[in-house]
């Protein structure tokens, strides 16, 4: 999956993500992080990729995104393990 950094500063990052599903999952997990002030996405047209905006305080936005990816991966791995136990 391609992720393109459009703008980046100390407390803010704007990235273009190929998948609407992934950007929504990231938004949800980022908003659970107390160091994230704002995590929103937008897209100008349905044919365009969504753009995720993350504003932080006390943590770099790249670190916040990395933490969100790790948390989502951990939850999905647990879900997969629970599902395997049902068989």
PDB file of N, CA and C in Angstrom:
ATOM      1  N   UNK A   1       0.835  -1.166   0.000  1.00  0.00           N
ATOM      2  CA  UNK A   1       0.000   0.000   0.000  1.00  0.00           C
ATOM      3  C   UNK A   1       0.885   1.236   0.000  1.00  0.00           C
ATOM      4  N   UNK A   2       0.508   2.191  -0.778  1.00  0.00           N
ATOM      5  CA  UNK A   2       1.263   3.440  -0.855  1.00  0.00           C
ATOM      6  C   UNK A   2       0.700   4.466   0.119  1.00  0.00           C
ATOM      7  N   UNK A   3       1.607   5.115   0.835  1.00  0.00           N
ATOM      8  CA  UNK A   3       1.261   6.237   1.704  1.00  0.00           C
ATOM      9  C   UNK A   3       2.171   7.385   1.310  1.00  0.00           C
ATOM     10  N   UNK A   4       1.557   8.494   0.967  1.00  0.00           N
ATOM     11  CA  UNK A   4       2.324   9.658   0.511  1.00  0.00           C
ATOM     12  C   UNK A   4       2.190  10.783   1.527  1.00  0.00           C
ATOM     13  N   UNK A   5       3.331  11.261   2.033  1.00  0.00           N
ATOM     14  CA  UNK A   5       3.336  12.382   2.968  1.00  0.00           C
ATOM     15  C   UNK A   5       3.194  13.668   2.150  1.00  0.00           C
ATOM     16  N   UNK A   6       2.129  14.404   2.427  1.00  0.00           N
ATOM     17  CA  UNK A   6       1.878  15.651   1.701  1.00  0.00           C
ATOM     18  C   UNK A   6       2.496  16.842   2.422  1.00  0.00           C
ATOM     19  N   UNK A   7       2.329  16.894   3.739  1.00  0.00           N
ATOM     20  CA  UNK A   7       2.893  17.961   4.571  1.00  0.00           C
ATOM     21  C   UNK A   7       3.306  17.348   5.899  1.00  0.00           C
ATOM     22  N   UNK A   8       4.393  17.857   6.454  1.00  0.00           N
ATOM     23  CA  UNK A   8       4.847  17.345   7.734  1.00  0.00           C
ATOM     24  C   UNK A   8       5.559  18.453   8.508  1.00  0.00           C
ATOM     25  N   UNK A   9       5.220  18.543   9.794  1.00  0.00           N
ATOM     26  CA  UNK A   9       5.912  19.464  10.688  1.00  0.00           C
ATOM     27  C   UNK A   9       6.062  18.765  12.040  1.00  0.00           C
ATOM     28  N   UNK A  10       6.535  19.485  13.028  1.00  0.00           N
ATOM     29  CA  UNK A  10       6.790  18.892  14.344  1.00  0.00           C
ATOM     30  C   UNK A  10       5.525  18.298  14.968  1.00  0.00           C
ATOM     31  N   UNK A  11       4.412  18.993  14.862  1.00  0.00           N
ATOM     32  CA  UNK A  11       3.176  18.572  15.531  1.00  0.00           C
ATOM     33  C   UNK A  11       2.035  18.237  14.581  1.00  0.00           C
ATOM     34  N   UNK A  12       2.307  18.162  13.291  1.00  0.00           N
ATOM     35  CA  UNK A  12       1.229  17.942  12.326  1.00  0.00           C
ATOM     36  C   UNK A  12       1.746  17.191  11.114  1.00  0.00           C
ATOM     37  N   UNK A  13       0.910  16.286  10.602  1.00  0.00           N
ATOM     38  CA  UNK A  13       1.258  15.580   9.376  1.00  0.00           C
ATOM     39  C   UNK A  13      -0.010  15.375   8.556  1.00  0.00           C
ATOM     40  N   UNK A  14       0.158  15.412   7.261  1.00  0.00           N
ATOM     41  CA  UNK A  14      -0.934  15.174   6.334  1.00  0.00           C
ATOM     42  C   UNK A  14      -0.457  14.114   5.351  1.00  0.00           C
ATOM     43  N   UNK A  15      -1.157  12.964   5.312  1.00  0.00           N
ATOM     44  CA  UNK A  15      -0.745  11.862   4.454  1.00  0.00           C
ATOM     45  C   UNK A  15      -1.908  11.396   3.594  1.00  0.00           C
ATOM     46  N   UNK A  16      -1.562  10.989   2.377  1.00  0.00           N
ATOM     47  CA  UNK A  16      -2.545  10.419   1.459  1.00  0.00           C
ATOM     48  C   UNK A  16      -2.412   8.902   1.538  1.00  0.00           C
ATOM     49  N   UNK A  17      -3.533   8.229   1.764  1.00  0.00           N
ATOM     50  CA  UNK A  17      -3.556   6.779   1.930  1.00  0.00           C
ATOM     51  C   UNK A  17      -4.440   6.187   0.844  1.00  0.00           C
ATOM     52  N   UNK A  18      -4.037   5.049   0.289  1.00  0.00           N
ATOM     53  CA  UNK A  18      -4.791   4.430  -0.810  1.00  0.00           C
ATOM     54  C   UNK A  18      -6.169   3.927  -0.405  1.00  0.00           C
ATOM     55  N   UNK A  19      -6.319   3.482   0.836  1.00  0.00           N
ATOM     56  CA  UNK A  19      -7.524   2.778   1.244  1.00  0.00           C
ATOM     57  C   UNK A  19      -8.378   3.593   2.210  1.00  0.00           C
ATOM     58  N   UNK A  20      -9.647   3.713   1.883  1.00  0.00           N
ATOM     59  CA  UNK A  20     -10.592   4.395   2.758  1.00  0.00           C
ATOM     60  C   UNK A  20     -10.773   3.607   4.058  1.00  0.00           C
ATOM     61  N   UNK A  21     -10.755   2.295   3.977  1.00  0.00           N
ATOM     62  CA  UNK A  21     -10.902   1.456   5.162  1.00  0.00           C
ATOM     63  C   UNK A  21      -9.736   1.662   6.120  1.00  0.00           C
ATOM     64  N   UNK A  22      -8.524   1.641   5.598  1.00  0.00           N
ATOM     65  CA  UNK A  22      -7.339   1.809   6.445  1.00  0.00           C
ATOM     66  C   UNK A  22      -7.316   3.189   7.083  1.00  0.00           C
ATOM     67  N   UNK A  23      -7.643   4.214   6.332  1.00  0.00           N
ATOM     68  CA  UNK A  23      -7.604   5.571   6.883  1.00  0.00           C
ATOM     69  C   UNK A  23      -8.654   5.736   7.986  1.00  0.00           C
ATOM     70  N   UNK A  24      -9.788   5.076   7.870  1.00  0.00           N
ATOM     71  CA  UNK A  24     -10.814   5.158   8.915  1.00  0.00           C
ATOM     72  C   UNK A  24     -10.366   4.405  10.170  1.00  0.00           C
ATOM     73  N   UNK A  25      -9.753   3.239  10.013  1.00  0.00           N
ATOM     74  CA  UNK A  25      -9.230   2.492  11.155  1.00  0.00           C
ATOM     75  C   UNK A  25      -8.156   3.322  11.868  1.00  0.00           C
ATOM     76  N   UNK A  26      -7.267   3.930  11.101  1.00  0.00           N
ATOM     77  CA  UNK A  26      -6.233   4.778  11.697  1.00  0.00           C
ATOM     78  C   UNK A  26      -6.851   5.941  12.463  1.00  0.00           C
ATOM     79  N   UNK A  27      -7.860   6.574  11.892  1.00  0.00           N
ATOM     80  CA  UNK A  27      -8.527   7.701  12.554  1.00  0.00           C
ATOM     81  C   UNK A  27      -9.079   7.284  13.912  1.00  0.00           C
ATOM     82  N   UNK A  28      -9.740   6.133  13.956  1.00  0.00           N
ATOM     83  CA  UNK A  28     -10.338   5.657  15.202  1.00  0.00           C
ATOM     84  C   UNK A  28      -9.253   5.406  16.260  1.00  0.00           C
ATOM     85  N   UNK A  29      -8.193   4.708  15.880  1.00  0.00           N
ATOM     86  CA  UNK A  29      -7.131   4.408  16.837  1.00  0.00           C
ATOM     87  C   UNK A  29      -6.348   5.661  17.233  1.00  0.00           C
ATOM     88  N   UNK A  30      -6.140   6.576  16.310  1.00  0.00           N
ATOM     89  CA  UNK A  30      -5.445   7.817  16.647  1.00  0.00           C
ATOM     90  C   UNK A  30      -6.240   8.649  17.646  1.00  0.00           C
ATOM     91  N   UNK A  31      -7.547   8.675  17.497  1.00  0.00           N
ATOM     92  CA  UNK A  31      -8.368   9.463  18.408  1.00  0.00           C
ATOM     93  C   UNK A  31      -8.437   8.870  19.815  1.00  0.00           C
ATOM     94  N   UNK A  32      -7.999   7.623  19.990  1.00  0.00           N
ATOM     95  CA  UNK A  32      -7.906   7.015  21.323  1.00  0.00           C
ATOM     96  C   UNK A  32      -6.638   7.458  22.048  1.00  0.00           C
ATOM     97  N   UNK A  33      -5.678   7.996  21.329  1.00  0.00           N
ATOM     98  CA  UNK A  33      -4.388   8.415  21.875  1.00  0.00           C
ATOM     99  C   UNK A  33      -4.530   9.809  22.504  1.00  0.00           C
ATOM    100  N   UNK A  34      -4.175   9.927  23.778  1.00  0.00           N
ATOM    101  CA  UNK A  34      -4.339  11.211  24.475  1.00  0.00           C
ATOM    102  C   UNK A  34      -3.408  12.308  23.957  1.00  0.00           C
ATOM    103  N   UNK A  35      -2.329  11.940  23.270  1.00  0.00           N
ATOM    104  CA  UNK A  35      -1.417  12.950  22.732  1.00  0.00           C
ATOM    105  C   UNK A  35      -1.850  13.448  21.348  1.00  0.00           C
ATOM    106  N   UNK A  36      -2.906  12.877  20.806  1.00  0.00           N
ATOM    107  CA  UNK A  36      -3.424  13.313  19.507  1.00  0.00           C
ATOM    108  C   UNK A  36      -4.554  14.309  19.742  1.00  0.00           C
ATOM    109  N   UNK A  37      -4.361  15.511  19.244  1.00  0.00           N
ATOM    110  CA  UNK A  37      -5.391  16.555  19.365  1.00  0.00           C
ATOM    111  C   UNK A  37      -6.467  16.412  18.302  1.00  0.00           C
ATOM    112  N   UNK A  38      -6.058  15.970  17.114  1.00  0.00           N
ATOM    113  CA  UNK A  38      -6.988  15.887  15.991  1.00  0.00           C
ATOM    114  C   UNK A  38      -6.526  14.799  15.034  1.00  0.00           C
ATOM    115  N   UNK A  39      -7.449  13.955  14.634  1.00  0.00           N
ATOM    116  CA  UNK A  39      -7.193  12.954  13.592  1.00  0.00           C
ATOM    117  C   UNK A  39      -8.455  12.875  12.747  1.00  0.00           C
ATOM    118  N   UNK A  40      -8.367  13.402  11.546  1.00  0.00           N
ATOM    119  CA  UNK A  40      -9.509  13.435  10.628  1.00  0.00           C
ATOM    120  C   UNK A  40      -9.027  13.102   9.221  1.00  0.00           C
ATOM    121  N   UNK A  41      -9.970  12.664   8.389  1.00  0.00           N
ATOM    122  CA  UNK A  41      -9.619  12.446   6.991  1.00  0.00           C
ATOM    123  C   UNK A  41     -10.656  13.114   6.110  1.00  0.00           C
ATOM    124  N   UNK A  42     -10.253  13.367   4.889  1.00  0.00           N
ATOM    125  CA  UNK A  42     -11.154  13.961   3.901  1.00  0.00           C
ATOM    126  C   UNK A  42     -10.762  13.456   2.524  1.00  0.00           C
ATOM    127  N   UNK A  43     -11.659  13.579   1.614  1.00  0.00           N
ATOM    128  CA  UNK A  43     -11.322  13.375   0.204  1.00  0.00           C
ATOM    129  C   UNK A  43     -12.230  14.288  -0.608  1.00  0.00           C
ATOM    130  N   UNK A  44     -11.650  14.898  -1.602  1.00  0.00           N
ATOM    131  CA  UNK A  44     -12.369  15.888  -2.387  1.00  0.00           C
ATOM    132  C   UNK A  44     -13.385  15.256  -3.320  1.00  0.00           C
ATOM    133  N   UNK A  45     -13.099  14.030  -3.765  1.00  0.00           N
ATOM    134  CA  UNK A  45     -13.968  13.348  -4.717  1.00  0.00           C
ATOM    135  C   UNK A  45     -13.819  11.846  -4.506  1.00  0.00           C
ATOM    136  N   UNK A  46     -14.886  11.073  -4.698  1.00  0.00           N
ATOM    137  CA  UNK A  46     -14.791   9.624  -4.491  1.00  0.00           C
ATOM    138  C   UNK A  46     -13.732   8.912  -5.336  1.00  0.00           C
ATOM    139  N   UNK A  47     -13.295   9.526  -6.404  1.00  0.00           N
ATOM    140  CA  UNK A  47     -12.260   8.897  -7.229  1.00  0.00           C
ATOM    141  C   UNK A  47     -10.850   9.188  -6.716  1.00  0.00           C
ATOM    142  N   UNK A  48     -10.735  10.047  -5.703  1.00  0.00           N
ATOM    143  CA  UNK A  48      -9.434  10.407  -5.150  1.00  0.00           C
ATOM    144  C   UNK A  48      -9.178   9.655  -3.844  1.00  0.00           C
ATOM    145  N   UNK A  49      -7.905   9.501  -3.510  1.00  0.00           N
ATOM    146  CA  UNK A  49      -7.525   8.859  -2.251  1.00  0.00           C
ATOM    147  C   UNK A  49      -7.807   9.784  -1.079  1.00  0.00           C
ATOM    148  N   UNK A  50      -8.176   9.221   0.074  1.00  0.00           N
ATOM    149  CA  UNK A  50      -8.398  10.056   1.257  1.00  0.00           C
ATOM    150  C   UNK A  50      -7.085  10.606   1.806  1.00  0.00           C
ATOM    151  N   UNK A  51      -7.184  11.754   2.463  1.00  0.00           N
ATOM    152  CA  UNK A  51      -6.038  12.417   3.080  1.00  0.00           C
ATOM    153  C   UNK A  51      -6.293  12.475   4.584  1.00  0.00           C
ATOM    154  N   UNK A  52      -5.348  11.945   5.359  1.00  0.00           N
ATOM    155  CA  UNK A  52      -5.443  11.912   6.811  1.00  0.00           C
ATOM    156  C   UNK A  52      -4.630  13.061   7.396  1.00  0.00           C
ATOM    157  N   UNK A  53      -5.256  13.835   8.279  1.00  0.00           N
ATOM    158  CA  UNK A  53      -4.592  14.932   8.979  1.00  0.00           C
ATOM    159  C   UNK A  53      -4.486  14.561  10.449  1.00  0.00           C
ATOM    160  N   UNK A  54      -3.271  14.623  10.993  1.00  0.00           N
ATOM    161  CA  UNK A  54      -3.037  14.290  12.396  1.00  0.00           C
ATOM    162  C   UNK A  54      -2.286  15.447  13.051  1.00  0.00           C
ATOM    163  N   UNK A  55      -2.860  15.947  14.151  1.00  0.00           N
ATOM    164  CA  UNK A  55      -2.213  16.997  14.949  1.00  0.00           C
ATOM    165  C   UNK A  55      -1.984  16.433  16.341  1.00  0.00           C
ATOM    166  N   UNK A  56      -0.770  16.599  16.858  1.00  0.00           N
ATOM    167  CA  UNK A  56      -0.404  16.026  18.146  1.00  0.00           C
ATOM    168  C   UNK A  56       0.162  17.074  19.093  1.00  0.00           C
ATOM    169  N   UNK A  57       0.288  16.662  20.358  1.00  0.00           N
ATOM    170  CA  UNK A  57       0.924  17.491  21.377  1.00  0.00           C
ATOM    171  C   UNK A  57       1.728  16.552  22.271  1.00  0.00           C
ATOM    172  N   UNK A  58       3.045  16.718  22.280  1.00  0.00           N
ATOM    173  CA  UNK A  58       3.900  15.902  23.122  1.00  0.00           C
ATOM    174  C   UNK A  58       4.431  14.637  22.473  1.00  0.00           C
ATOM    175  N   UNK A  59       3.991  14.338  21.287  1.00  0.00           N
ATOM    176  CA  UNK A  59       4.433  13.155  20.549  1.00  0.00           C
ATOM    177  C   UNK A  59       4.460  13.525  19.070  1.00  0.00           C
ATOM    178  N   UNK A  60       5.417  12.989  18.338  1.00  0.00           N
ATOM    179  CA  UNK A  60       5.455  13.296  16.912  1.00  0.00           C
ATOM    180  C   UNK A  60       4.272  12.610  16.223  1.00  0.00           C
ATOM    181  N   UNK A  61       3.734  13.225  15.192  1.00  0.00           N
ATOM    182  CA  UNK A  61       2.607  12.615  14.493  1.00  0.00           C
ATOM    183  C   UNK A  61       2.970  11.269  13.857  1.00  0.00           C
ATOM    184  N   UNK A  62       4.208  11.129  13.390  1.00  0.00           N
ATOM    185  CA  UNK A  62       4.630   9.843  12.816  1.00  0.00           C
ATOM    186  C   UNK A  62       4.623   8.763  13.878  1.00  0.00           C
ATOM    187  N   UNK A  63       5.071   9.080  15.098  1.00  0.00           N
ATOM    188  CA  UNK A  63       5.059   8.122  16.201  1.00  0.00           C
ATOM    189  C   UNK A  63       3.624   7.758  16.560  1.00  0.00           C
ATOM    190  N   UNK A  64       2.727   8.738  16.554  1.00  0.00           N
ATOM    191  CA  UNK A  64       1.319   8.488  16.863  1.00  0.00           C
ATOM    192  C   UNK A  64       0.704   7.533  15.842  1.00  0.00           C
ATOM    193  N   UNK A  65       1.026   7.739  14.560  1.00  0.00           N
ATOM    194  CA  UNK A  65       0.513   6.848  13.515  1.00  0.00           C
ATOM    195  C   UNK A  65       1.097   5.450  13.695  1.00  0.00           C
ATOM    196  N   UNK A  66       2.382   5.371  13.982  1.00  0.00           N
ATOM    197  CA  UNK A  66       3.027   4.078  14.210  1.00  0.00           C
ATOM    198  C   UNK A  66       2.373   3.349  15.389  1.00  0.00           C
ATOM    199  N   UNK A  67       2.105   4.062  16.467  1.00  0.00           N
ATOM    200  CA  UNK A  67       1.450   3.461  17.629  1.00  0.00           C
ATOM    201  C   UNK A  67       0.038   2.981  17.280  1.00  0.00           C
ATOM    202  N   UNK A  68      -0.679   3.756  16.474  1.00  0.00           N
ATOM    203  CA  UNK A  68      -2.034   3.370  16.060  1.00  0.00           C
ATOM    204  C   UNK A  68      -2.002   2.109  15.208  1.00  0.00           C
ATOM    205  N   UNK A  69      -1.028   2.007  14.320  1.00  0.00           N
ATOM    206  CA  UNK A  69      -0.892   0.810  13.482  1.00  0.00           C
ATOM    207  C   UNK A  69      -0.595  -0.407  14.362  1.00  0.00           C
ATOM    208  N   UNK A  70       0.294  -0.248  15.325  1.00  0.00           N
ATOM    209  CA  UNK A  70       0.633  -1.358  16.232  1.00  0.00           C
ATOM    210  C   UNK A  70      -0.578  -1.788  17.047  1.00  0.00           C
ATOM    211  N   UNK A  71      -1.356  -0.847  17.549  1.00  0.00           N
ATOM    212  CA  UNK A  71      -2.536  -1.172  18.352  1.00  0.00           C
ATOM    213  C   UNK A  71      -3.588  -1.887  17.498  1.00  0.00           C
ATOM    214  N   UNK A  72      -3.805  -1.407  16.288  1.00  0.00           N
ATOM    215  CA  UNK A  72      -4.776  -2.043  15.396  1.00  0.00           C
ATOM    216  C   UNK A  72      -4.326  -3.455  15.032  1.00  0.00           C
ATOM    217  N   UNK A  73      -3.041  -3.622  14.762  1.00  0.00           N
ATOM    218  CA  UNK A  73      -2.502  -4.938  14.422  1.00  0.00           C
ATOM    219  C   UNK A  73      -2.670  -5.901  15.590  1.00  0.00           C
ATOM    220  N   UNK A  74      -2.401  -5.422  16.796  1.00  0.00           N
ATOM    221  CA  UNK A  74      -2.546  -6.262  17.989  1.00  0.00           C
ATOM    222  C   UNK A  74      -3.999  -6.716  18.153  1.00  0.00           C
ATOM    223  N   UNK A  75      -4.944  -5.788  17.984  1.00  0.00           N
ATOM    224  CA  UNK A  75      -6.356  -6.134  18.112  1.00  0.00           C
ATOM    225  C   UNK A  75      -6.804  -7.102  17.017  1.00  0.00           C
ATOM    226  N   UNK A  76      -6.327  -6.901  15.811  1.00  0.00           N
ATOM    227  CA  UNK A  76      -6.698  -7.797  14.715  1.00  0.00           C
ATOM    228  C   UNK A  76      -6.104  -9.185  14.899  1.00  0.00           C
ATOM    229  N   UNK A  77      -4.880  -9.268  15.420  1.00  0.00           N
ATOM    230  CA  UNK A  77      -4.274 -10.568  15.709  1.00  0.00           C
ATOM    231  C   UNK A  77      -5.067 -11.302  16.781  1.00  0.00           C
ATOM    232  N   UNK A  78      -5.504 -10.581  17.808  1.00  0.00           N
ATOM    233  CA  UNK A  78      -6.310 -11.195  18.866  1.00  0.00           C
ATOM    234  C   UNK A  78      -7.638 -11.682  18.300  1.00  0.00           C
ATOM    235  N   UNK A  79      -8.253 -10.899  17.442  1.00  0.00           N
ATOM    236  CA  UNK A  79      -9.506 -11.285  16.818  1.00  0.00           C
ATOM    237  C   UNK A  79      -9.328 -12.543  15.972  1.00  0.00           C
ATOM    238  N   UNK A  80      -8.235 -12.611  15.225  1.00  0.00           N
ATOM    239  CA  UNK A  80      -7.955 -13.788  14.406  1.00  0.00           C
ATOM    240  C   UNK A  80      -7.747 -15.026  15.279  1.00  0.00           C
ATOM    241  N   UNK A  81      -7.035 -14.865  16.394  1.00  0.00           N
ATOM    242  CA  UNK A  81      -6.825 -15.985  17.319  1.00  0.00           C
ATOM    243  C   UNK A  81      -8.148 -16.448  17.922  1.00  0.00           C
ATOM    244  N   UNK A  82      -8.982 -15.504  18.328  1.00  0.00           N
ATOM    245  CA  UNK A  82     -10.293 -15.854  18.887  1.00  0.00           C
ATOM    246  C   UNK A  82     -11.150 -16.576  17.854  1.00  0.00           C
ATOM    247  N   UNK A  83     -11.079 -16.147  16.620  1.00  0.00           N
ATOM    248  CA  UNK A  83     -11.860 -16.760  15.555  1.00  0.00           C
ATOM    249  C   UNK A  83     -11.382 -18.200  15.298  1.00  0.00           C
ATOM    250  N   UNK A  84     -10.072 -18.423  15.339  1.00  0.00           N
ATOM    251  CA  UNK A  84      -9.519 -19.767  15.141  1.00  0.00           C
ATOM    252  C   UNK A  84      -9.966 -20.715  16.236  1.00  0.00           C
ATOM    253  N   UNK A  85     -10.141 -20.199  17.457  1.00  0.00           N
ATOM    254  CA  UNK A  85     -10.581 -21.031  18.577  1.00  0.00           C
ATOM    255  C   UNK A  85     -12.019 -21.511  18.404  1.00  0.00           C
ATOM    256  N   UNK A  86     -12.797 -20.816  17.590  1.00  0.00           N
ATOM    257  CA  UNK A  86     -14.191 -21.194  17.377  1.00  0.00           C
ATOM    258  C   UNK A  86     -14.331 -22.442  16.523  1.00  0.00           C
ATOM    259  N   UNK A  87     -13.328 -22.777  15.752  1.00  0.00           N
ATOM    260  CA  UNK A  87     -13.418 -23.925  14.842  1.00  0.00           C
ATOM    261  C   UNK A  87     -13.400 -25.241  15.557  1.00  0.00           C
TER     262      UNK A  87
END
